[in-house]
Amino acid sequence: MISVMTISEARKNITSLEGVMNYDDTISITNHGKEVFALMRWDTYECIQETLEILSDPELSKSLSLGIQQIREDKTIDFDSFMEKLSCTP
């Protein structure tokens, strides 16, 4: 959810925001009515950064697309079956 807060309000409330913001919350901080900052939890920021890294890397992006396609086509295997295929026993 996006909420709006002036820069003055953010300055006054910054220390209490950690306890009230959830993973999907963002605060649009404005100065004279213009959006100047987006405030979010650090774990949310890290997820966004990781997603951007994957999408900007052609090889990783291709692997992600292939994985999504395999899930949609129900071409997945469970973890135990995967580990069995990795074992070198005849």
PDB file of N, CA and C in Angstrom:
ATOM      1  N   MET A   1       0.844  -1.174   0.000  1.00  0.00           N
ATOM      2  CA  MET A   1       0.000   0.000   0.000  1.00  0.00           C
ATOM      3  C   MET A   1       0.897   1.248   0.000  1.00  0.00           C
ATOM      4  N   ILE A   2       0.528   2.237  -0.762  1.00  0.00           N
ATOM      5  CA  ILE A   2       1.277   3.488  -0.807  1.00  0.00           C
ATOM      6  C   ILE A   2       0.522   4.540  -0.022  1.00  0.00           C
ATOM      7  N   SER A   3       1.227   5.146   0.924  1.00  0.00           N
ATOM      8  CA  SER A   3       0.648   6.271   1.650  1.00  0.00           C
ATOM      9  C   SER A   3       1.527   7.493   1.394  1.00  0.00           C
ATOM     10  N   VAL A   4       0.989   8.646   1.646  1.00  0.00           N
ATOM     11  CA  VAL A   4       1.687   9.897   1.367  1.00  0.00           C
ATOM     12  C   VAL A   4       1.992  10.601   2.676  1.00  0.00           C
ATOM     13  N   MET A   5       3.187  11.165   2.752  1.00  0.00           N
ATOM     14  CA  MET A   5       3.616  11.885   3.945  1.00  0.00           C
ATOM     15  C   MET A   5       4.506  13.049   3.487  1.00  0.00           C
ATOM     16  N   THR A   6       4.320  14.196   4.083  1.00  0.00           N
ATOM     17  CA  THR A   6       5.198  15.315   3.755  1.00  0.00           C
ATOM     18  C   THR A   6       6.584  15.055   4.336  1.00  0.00           C
ATOM     19  N   ILE A   7       7.552  15.758   3.829  1.00  0.00           N
ATOM     20  CA  ILE A   7       8.920  15.583   4.318  1.00  0.00           C
ATOM     21  C   ILE A   7       9.020  15.982   5.795  1.00  0.00           C
ATOM     22  N   SER A   8       8.247  16.958   6.207  1.00  0.00           N
ATOM     23  CA  SER A   8       8.235  17.359   7.623  1.00  0.00           C
ATOM     24  C   SER A   8       7.642  16.268   8.502  1.00  0.00           C
ATOM     25  N   GLU A   9       6.552  15.651   8.047  1.00  0.00           N
ATOM     26  CA  GLU A   9       5.944  14.549   8.795  1.00  0.00           C
ATOM     27  C   GLU A   9       6.898  13.363   8.884  1.00  0.00           C
ATOM     28  N   ALA A  10       7.575  13.068   7.783  1.00  0.00           N
ATOM     29  CA  ALA A  10       8.521  11.947   7.769  1.00  0.00           C
ATOM     30  C   ALA A  10       9.655  12.191   8.756  1.00  0.00           C
ATOM     31  N   ARG A  11      10.130  13.410   8.808  1.00  0.00           N
ATOM     32  CA  ARG A  11      11.219  13.760   9.738  1.00  0.00           C
ATOM     33  C   ARG A  11      10.780  13.531  11.185  1.00  0.00           C
ATOM     34  N   LYS A  12       9.549  13.901  11.498  1.00  0.00           N
ATOM     35  CA  LYS A  12       9.045  13.737  12.864  1.00  0.00           C
ATOM     36  C   LYS A  12       8.792  12.270  13.221  1.00  0.00           C
ATOM     37  N   ASN A  13       8.371  11.476  12.242  1.00  0.00           N
ATOM     38  CA  ASN A  13       7.913  10.108  12.516  1.00  0.00           C
ATOM     39  C   ASN A  13       8.897   9.012  12.117  1.00  0.00           C
ATOM     40  N   ILE A  14      10.055   9.348  11.608  1.00  0.00           N
ATOM     41  CA  ILE A  14      10.953   8.351  11.026  1.00  0.00           C
ATOM     42  C   ILE A  14      11.301   7.220  11.993  1.00  0.00           C
ATOM     43  N   THR A  15      11.506   7.526  13.257  1.00  0.00           N
ATOM     44  CA  THR A  15      11.914   6.487  14.207  1.00  0.00           C
ATOM     45  C   THR A  15      10.793   5.516  14.562  1.00  0.00           C
ATOM     46  N   SER A  16       9.551   5.902  14.347  1.00  0.00           N
ATOM     47  CA  SER A  16       8.437   5.009  14.682  1.00  0.00           C
ATOM     48  C   SER A  16       7.919   4.233  13.475  1.00  0.00           C
ATOM     49  N   LEU A  17       8.403   4.532  12.286  1.00  0.00           N
ATOM     50  CA  LEU A  17       7.861   3.902  11.081  1.00  0.00           C
ATOM     51  C   LEU A  17       8.246   2.431  10.947  1.00  0.00           C
ATOM     52  N   GLU A  18       9.402   2.054  11.472  1.00  0.00           N
ATOM     53  CA  GLU A  18       9.841   0.666  11.352  1.00  0.00           C
ATOM     54  C   GLU A  18       8.813  -0.303  11.923  1.00  0.00           C
ATOM     55  N   GLY A  19       8.223   0.054  13.021  1.00  0.00           N
ATOM     56  CA  GLY A  19       7.264  -0.828  13.681  1.00  0.00           C
ATOM     57  C   GLY A  19       5.905  -0.904  13.020  1.00  0.00           C
ATOM     58  N   VAL A  20       5.587   0.016  12.123  1.00  0.00           N
ATOM     59  CA  VAL A  20       4.251   0.036  11.532  1.00  0.00           C
ATOM     60  C   VAL A  20       4.228  -0.298  10.046  1.00  0.00           C
ATOM     61  N   MET A  21       5.386  -0.300   9.398  1.00  0.00           N
ATOM     62  CA  MET A  21       5.426  -0.591   7.963  1.00  0.00           C
ATOM     63  C   MET A  21       5.561  -2.085   7.724  1.00  0.00           C
ATOM     64  N   ASN A  22       4.764  -2.592   6.802  1.00  0.00           N
ATOM     65  CA  ASN A  22       4.831  -3.989   6.389  1.00  0.00           C
ATOM     66  C   ASN A  22       5.680  -4.117   5.129  1.00  0.00           C
ATOM     67  N   TYR A  23       5.905  -5.351   4.727  1.00  0.00           N
ATOM     68  CA  TYR A  23       6.728  -5.650   3.563  1.00  0.00           C
ATOM     69  C   TYR A  23       6.260  -4.913   2.303  1.00  0.00           C
ATOM     70  N   ASP A  24       4.969  -4.839   2.104  1.00  0.00           N
ATOM     71  CA  ASP A  24       4.445  -4.247   0.875  1.00  0.00           C
ATOM     72  C   ASP A  24       4.034  -2.780   1.010  1.00  0.00           C
ATOM     73  N   ASP A  25       4.405  -2.135   2.111  1.00  0.00           N
ATOM     74  CA  ASP A  25       4.088  -0.718   2.313  1.00  0.00           C
ATOM     75  C   ASP A  25       5.172   0.181   1.728  1.00  0.00           C
ATOM     76  N   THR A  26       4.746   1.265   1.146  1.00  0.00           N
ATOM     77  CA  THR A  26       5.648   2.309   0.661  1.00  0.00           C
ATOM     78  C   THR A  26       5.063   3.650   1.078  1.00  0.00           C
ATOM     79  N   ILE A  27       5.932   4.544   1.488  1.00  0.00           N
ATOM     80  CA  ILE A  27       5.498   5.903   1.812  1.00  0.00           C
ATOM     81  C   ILE A  27       6.081   6.841   0.770  1.00  0.00           C
ATOM     82  N   SER A  28       5.211   7.563   0.113  1.00  0.00           N
ATOM     83  CA  SER A  28       5.622   8.589  -0.836  1.00  0.00           C
ATOM     84  C   SER A  28       5.853   9.865  -0.030  1.00  0.00           C
ATOM     85  N   ILE A  29       7.093  10.297   0.022  1.00  0.00           N
ATOM     86  CA  ILE A  29       7.424  11.506   0.780  1.00  0.00           C
ATOM     87  C   ILE A  29       7.449  12.682  -0.183  1.00  0.00           C
ATOM     88  N   THR A  30       6.667  13.697   0.175  1.00  0.00           N
ATOM     89  CA  THR A  30       6.524  14.846  -0.715  1.00  0.00           C
ATOM     90  C   THR A  30       7.142  16.101  -0.111  1.00  0.00           C
ATOM     91  N   ASN A  31       7.535  16.991  -0.991  1.00  0.00           N
ATOM     92  CA  ASN A  31       8.027  18.309  -0.606  1.00  0.00           C
ATOM     93  C   ASN A  31       7.300  19.326  -1.483  1.00  0.00           C
ATOM     94  N   HIS A  32       6.488  20.156  -0.879  1.00  0.00           N
ATOM     95  CA  HIS A  32       5.654  21.133  -1.601  1.00  0.00           C
ATOM     96  C   HIS A  32       4.778  20.441  -2.641  1.00  0.00           C
ATOM     97  N   GLY A  33       4.237  19.264  -2.263  1.00  0.00           N
ATOM     98  CA  GLY A  33       3.316  18.537  -3.127  1.00  0.00           C
ATOM     99  C   GLY A  33       3.964  17.672  -4.187  1.00  0.00           C
ATOM    100  N   LYS A  34       5.280  17.709  -4.299  1.00  0.00           N
ATOM    101  CA  LYS A  34       5.989  16.925  -5.310  1.00  0.00           C
ATOM    102  C   LYS A  34       6.631  15.710  -4.644  1.00  0.00           C
ATOM    103  N   GLU A  35       6.430  14.532  -5.233  1.00  0.00           N
ATOM    104  CA  GLU A  35       7.047  13.314  -4.697  1.00  0.00           C
ATOM    105  C   GLU A  35       8.570  13.396  -4.856  1.00  0.00           C
ATOM    106  N   VAL A  36       9.287  13.238  -3.735  1.00  0.00           N
ATOM    107  CA  VAL A  36      10.746  13.350  -3.785  1.00  0.00           C
ATOM    108  C   VAL A  36      11.468  12.092  -3.296  1.00  0.00           C
ATOM    109  N   PHE A  37      10.819  11.282  -2.470  1.00  0.00           N
ATOM    110  CA  PHE A  37      11.418  10.058  -1.957  1.00  0.00           C
ATOM    111  C   PHE A  37      10.351   8.980  -1.847  1.00  0.00           C
ATOM    112  N   ALA A  38      10.812   7.730  -1.927  1.00  0.00           N
ATOM    113  CA  ALA A  38       9.961   6.583  -1.617  1.00  0.00           C
ATOM    114  C   ALA A  38      10.616   5.873  -0.448  1.00  0.00           C
ATOM    115  N   LEU A  39       9.868   5.670   0.616  1.00  0.00           N
ATOM    116  CA  LEU A  39      10.387   5.014   1.806  1.00  0.00           C
ATOM    117  C   LEU A  39       9.771   3.620   1.895  1.00  0.00           C
ATOM    118  N   MET A  40      10.636   2.605   2.034  1.00  0.00           N
ATOM    119  CA  MET A  40      10.167   1.226   2.148  1.00  0.00           C
ATOM    120  C   MET A  40      11.094   0.447   3.060  1.00  0.00           C
ATOM    121  N   ARG A  41      10.652  -0.725   3.478  1.00  0.00           N
ATOM    122  CA  ARG A  41      11.476  -1.579   4.324  1.00  0.00           C
ATOM    123  C   ARG A  41      12.697  -2.050   3.527  1.00  0.00           C
ATOM    124  N   TRP A  42      13.786  -2.298   4.217  1.00  0.00           N
ATOM    125  CA  TRP A  42      15.025  -2.700   3.553  1.00  0.00           C
ATOM    126  C   TRP A  42      14.860  -4.021   2.814  1.00  0.00           C
ATOM    127  N   ASP A  43      14.151  -4.992   3.388  1.00  0.00           N
ATOM    128  CA  ASP A  43      13.982  -6.279   2.713  1.00  0.00           C
ATOM    129  C   ASP A  43      13.190  -6.128   1.414  1.00  0.00           C
ATOM    130  N   THR A  44      12.269  -5.199   1.366  1.00  0.00           N
ATOM    131  CA  THR A  44      11.543  -4.920   0.133  1.00  0.00           C
ATOM    132  C   THR A  44      12.484  -4.345  -0.913  1.00  0.00           C
ATOM    133  N   TYR A  45      13.316  -3.408  -0.502  1.00  0.00           N
ATOM    134  CA  TYR A  45      14.299  -2.799  -1.402  1.00  0.00           C
ATOM    135  C   TYR A  45      15.241  -3.862  -1.975  1.00  0.00           C
ATOM    136  N   GLU A  46      15.727  -4.778  -1.111  1.00  0.00           N
ATOM    137  CA  GLU A  46      16.640  -5.827  -1.573  1.00  0.00           C
ATOM    138  C   GLU A  46      15.973  -6.728  -2.609  1.00  0.00           C
ATOM    139  N   CYS A  47      14.706  -7.045  -2.394  1.00  0.00           N
ATOM    140  CA  CYS A  47      13.981  -7.868  -3.361  1.00  0.00           C
ATOM    141  C   CYS A  47      13.852  -7.165  -4.708  1.00  0.00           C
ATOM    142  N   ILE A  48      13.582  -5.891  -4.679  1.00  0.00           N
ATOM    143  CA  ILE A  48      13.472  -5.118  -5.915  1.00  0.00           C
ATOM    144  C   ILE A  48      14.823  -5.104  -6.632  1.00  0.00           C
ATOM    145  N   GLN A  49      15.896  -4.870  -5.895  1.00  0.00           N
ATOM    146  CA  GLN A  49      17.242  -4.856  -6.484  1.00  0.00           C
ATOM    147  C   GLN A  49      17.579  -6.201  -7.121  1.00  0.00           C
ATOM    148  N   GLU A  50      17.297  -7.294  -6.418  1.00  0.00           N
ATOM    149  CA  GLU A  50      17.582  -8.630  -6.947  1.00  0.00           C
ATOM    150  C   GLU A  50      16.772  -8.900  -8.208  1.00  0.00           C
ATOM    151  N   THR A  51      15.510  -8.494  -8.209  1.00  0.00           N
ATOM    152  CA  THR A  51      14.673  -8.681  -9.388  1.00  0.00           C
ATOM    153  C   THR A  51      15.221  -7.899 -10.572  1.00  0.00           C
ATOM    154  N   LEU A  52      15.635  -6.667 -10.337  1.00  0.00           N
ATOM    155  CA  LEU A  52      16.209  -5.859 -11.419  1.00  0.00           C
ATOM    156  C   LEU A  52      17.495  -6.473 -11.955  1.00  0.00           C
ATOM    157  N   GLU A  53      18.323  -7.032 -11.077  1.00  0.00           N
ATOM    158  CA  GLU A  53      19.553  -7.690 -11.513  1.00  0.00           C
ATOM    159  C   GLU A  53      19.239  -8.889 -12.403  1.00  0.00           C
ATOM    160  N   ILE A  54      18.265  -9.697 -12.006  1.00  0.00           N
ATOM    161  CA  ILE A  54      17.889 -10.872 -12.801  1.00  0.00           C
ATOM    162  C   ILE A  54      17.353 -10.444 -14.156  1.00  0.00           C
ATOM    163  N   LEU A  55      16.459  -9.468 -14.163  1.00  0.00           N
ATOM    164  CA  LEU A  55      15.836  -9.044 -15.412  1.00  0.00           C
ATOM    165  C   LEU A  55      16.801  -8.318 -16.344  1.00  0.00           C
ATOM    166  N   SER A  56      17.859  -7.729 -15.797  1.00  0.00           N
ATOM    167  CA  SER A  56      18.822  -7.024 -16.649  1.00  0.00           C
ATOM    168  C   SER A  56      19.918  -7.940 -17.175  1.00  0.00           C
ATOM    169  N   ASP A  57      19.991  -9.172 -16.675  1.00  0.00           N
ATOM    170  CA  ASP A  57      20.974 -10.142 -17.141  1.00  0.00           C
ATOM    171  C   ASP A  57      20.280 -11.085 -18.121  1.00  0.00           C
ATOM    172  N   PRO A  58      20.655 -11.044 -19.406  1.00  0.00           N
ATOM    173  CA  PRO A  58      19.947 -11.856 -20.411  1.00  0.00           C
ATOM    174  C   PRO A  58      19.927 -13.352 -20.086  1.00  0.00           C
ATOM    175  N   GLU A  59      21.033 -13.878 -19.582  1.00  0.00           N
ATOM    176  CA  GLU A  59      21.088 -15.312 -19.277  1.00  0.00           C
ATOM    177  C   GLU A  59      20.170 -15.674 -18.103  1.00  0.00           C
ATOM    178  N   LEU A  60      20.225 -14.875 -17.030  1.00  0.00           N
ATOM    179  CA  LEU A  60      19.355 -15.131 -15.883  1.00  0.00           C
ATOM    180  C   LEU A  60      17.886 -14.949 -16.249  1.00  0.00           C
ATOM    181  N   SER A  61      17.601 -13.928 -17.044  1.00  0.00           N
ATOM    182  CA  SER A  61      16.226 -13.665 -17.466  1.00  0.00           C
ATOM    183  C   SER A  61      15.691 -14.826 -18.304  1.00  0.00           C
ATOM    184  N   LYS A  62      16.542 -15.365 -19.175  1.00  0.00           N
ATOM    185  CA  LYS A  62      16.144 -16.511 -19.999  1.00  0.00           C
ATOM    186  C   LYS A  62      15.876 -17.729 -19.121  1.00  0.00           C
ATOM    187  N   SER A  63      16.729 -17.967 -18.118  1.00  0.00           N
ATOM    188  CA  SER A  63      16.534 -19.094 -17.201  1.00  0.00           C
ATOM    189  C   SER A  63      15.239 -18.939 -16.411  1.00  0.00           C
ATOM    190  N   LEU A  64      14.953 -17.726 -15.977  1.00  0.00           N
ATOM    191  CA  LEU A  64      13.710 -17.463 -15.253  1.00  0.00           C
ATOM    192  C   LEU A  64      12.505 -17.758 -16.142  1.00  0.00           C
ATOM    193  N   SER A  65      12.529 -17.290 -17.375  1.00  0.00           N
ATOM    194  CA  SER A  65      11.425 -17.526 -18.306  1.00  0.00           C
ATOM    195  C   SER A  65      11.228 -19.014 -18.558  1.00  0.00           C
ATOM    196  N   LEU A  66      12.340 -19.737 -18.699  1.00  0.00           N
ATOM    197  CA  LEU A  66      12.259 -21.182 -18.914  1.00  0.00           C
ATOM    198  C   LEU A  66      11.642 -21.869 -17.698  1.00  0.00           C
ATOM    199  N   GLY A  67      12.052 -21.474 -16.506  1.00  0.00           N
ATOM    200  CA  GLY A  67      11.499 -22.047 -15.285  1.00  0.00           C
ATOM    201  C   GLY A  67      10.010 -21.786 -15.158  1.00  0.00           C
ATOM    202  N   ILE A  68       9.578 -20.577 -15.467  1.00  0.00           N
ATOM    203  CA  ILE A  68       8.150 -20.239 -15.417  1.00  0.00           C
ATOM    204  C   ILE A  68       7.377 -21.087 -16.422  1.00  0.00           C
ATOM    205  N   GLN A  69       7.937 -21.251 -17.617  1.00  0.00           N
ATOM    206  CA  GLN A  69       7.296 -22.074 -18.644  1.00  0.00           C
ATOM    207  C   GLN A  69       7.179 -23.525 -18.172  1.00  0.00           C
ATOM    208  N   GLN A  70       8.236 -24.053 -17.543  1.00  0.00           N
ATOM    209  CA  GLN A  70       8.201 -25.427 -17.052  1.00  0.00           C
ATOM    210  C   GLN A  70       7.143 -25.599 -15.958  1.00  0.00           C
ATOM    211  N   ILE A  71       6.995 -24.614 -15.109  1.00  0.00           N
ATOM    212  CA  ILE A  71       5.956 -24.680 -14.070  1.00  0.00           C
ATOM    213  C   ILE A  71       4.574 -24.688 -14.711  1.00  0.00           C
ATOM    214  N   ARG A  72       4.362 -23.808 -15.679  1.00  0.00           N
ATOM    215  CA  ARG A  72       3.054 -23.738 -16.344  1.00  0.00           C
ATOM    216  C   ARG A  72       2.721 -25.040 -17.060  1.00  0.00           C
ATOM    217  N   GLU A  73       3.747 -25.697 -17.610  1.00  0.00           N
ATOM    218  CA  GLU A  73       3.538 -26.949 -18.343  1.00  0.00           C
ATOM    219  C   GLU A  73       3.625 -28.163 -17.420  1.00  0.00           C
ATOM    220  N   ASP A  74       3.694 -27.925 -16.121  1.00  0.00           N
ATOM    221  CA  ASP A  74       3.785 -28.986 -15.113  1.00  0.00           C
ATOM    222  C   ASP A  74       4.952 -29.937 -15.402  1.00  0.00           C
ATOM    223  N   LYS A  75       6.090 -29.358 -15.766  1.00  0.00           N
ATOM    224  CA  LYS A  75       7.296 -30.142 -16.051  1.00  0.00           C
ATOM    225  C   LYS A  75       8.302 -29.980 -14.915  1.00  0.00           C
ATOM    226  N   THR A  76       7.824 -30.087 -13.717  1.00  0.00           N
ATOM    227  CA  THR A  76       8.701 -29.952 -12.560  1.00  0.00           C
ATOM    228  C   THR A  76       8.818 -31.307 -11.862  1.00  0.00           C
ATOM    229  N   ILE A  77       9.872 -31.435 -11.051  1.00  0.00           N
ATOM    230  CA  ILE A  77      10.030 -32.643 -10.247  1.00  0.00           C
ATOM    231  C   ILE A  77      10.223 -32.223  -8.800  1.00  0.00           C
ATOM    232  N   ASP A  78       9.886 -33.122  -7.882  1.00  0.00           N
ATOM    233  CA  ASP A  78      10.057 -32.788  -6.476  1.00  0.00           C
ATOM    234  C   ASP A  78      11.538 -32.881  -6.091  1.00  0.00           C
ATOM    235  N   PHE A  79      11.872 -32.313  -4.967  1.00  0.00           N
ATOM    236  CA  PHE A  79      13.264 -32.212  -4.531  1.00  0.00           C
ATOM    237  C   PHE A  79      13.908 -33.584  -4.353  1.00  0.00           C
ATOM    238  N   ASP A  80      13.200 -34.539  -3.773  1.00  0.00           N
ATOM    239  CA  ASP A  80      13.767 -35.871  -3.555  1.00  0.00           C
ATOM    240  C   ASP A  80      14.120 -36.549  -4.880  1.00  0.00           C
ATOM    241  N   SER A  81      13.251 -36.419  -5.869  1.00  0.00           N
ATOM    242  CA  SER A  81      13.538 -36.990  -7.196  1.00  0.00           C
ATOM    243  C   SER A  81      14.747 -36.312  -7.824  1.00  0.00           C
ATOM    244  N   PHE A  82      14.845 -35.032  -7.638  1.00  0.00           N
ATOM    245  CA  PHE A  82      15.998 -34.288  -8.151  1.00  0.00           C
ATOM    246  C   PHE A  82      17.286 -34.792  -7.528  1.00  0.00           C
ATOM    247  N   MET A  83      17.267 -34.981  -6.211  1.00  0.00           N
ATOM    248  CA  MET A  83      18.471 -35.448  -5.500  1.00  0.00           C
ATOM    249  C   MET A  83      18.829 -36.868  -5.941  1.00  0.00           C
ATOM    250  N   GLU A  84      17.836 -37.715  -6.191  1.00  0.00           N
ATOM    251  CA  GLU A  84      18.103 -39.066  -6.674  1.00  0.00           C
ATOM    252  C   GLU A  84      18.804 -39.029  -8.032  1.00  0.00           C
ATOM    253  N   LYS A  85      18.386 -38.129  -8.907  1.00  0.00           N
ATOM    254  CA  LYS A  85      19.014 -38.017 -10.224  1.00  0.00           C
ATOM    255  C   LYS A  85      20.448 -37.522 -10.119  1.00  0.00           C
ATOM    256  N   LEU A  86      20.761 -36.755  -9.079  1.00  0.00           N
ATOM    257  CA  LEU A  86      22.119 -36.256  -8.889  1.00  0.00           C
ATOM    258  C   LEU A  86      23.064 -37.314  -8.344  1.00  0.00           C
ATOM    259  N   SER A  87      22.535 -38.296  -7.648  1.00  0.00           N
ATOM    260  CA  SER A  87      23.398 -39.300  -7.037  1.00  0.00           C
ATOM    261  C   SER A  87      24.085 -40.128  -8.102  1.00  0.00           C
ATOM    262  N   CYS A  88      25.270 -40.592  -7.793  1.00  0.00           N
ATOM    263  CA  CYS A  88      26.089 -41.333  -8.752  1.00  0.00           C
ATOM    264  C   CYS A  88      25.951 -42.844  -8.580  1.00  0.00           C
ATOM    265  N   THR A  89      24.969 -43.283  -7.812  1.00  0.00           N
ATOM    266  CA  THR A  89      24.816 -44.727  -7.612  1.00  0.00           C
ATOM    267  C   THR A  89      24.073 -45.318  -8.795  1.00  0.00           C
ATOM    268  N   PRO A  90      24.499 -46.515  -9.238  1.00  0.00           N
ATOM    269  CA  PRO A  90      23.865 -47.159 -10.408  1.00  0.00           C
ATOM    270  C   PRO A  90      22.483 -47.690 -10.116  1.00  0.00           C
TER     271      PRO A  90
END
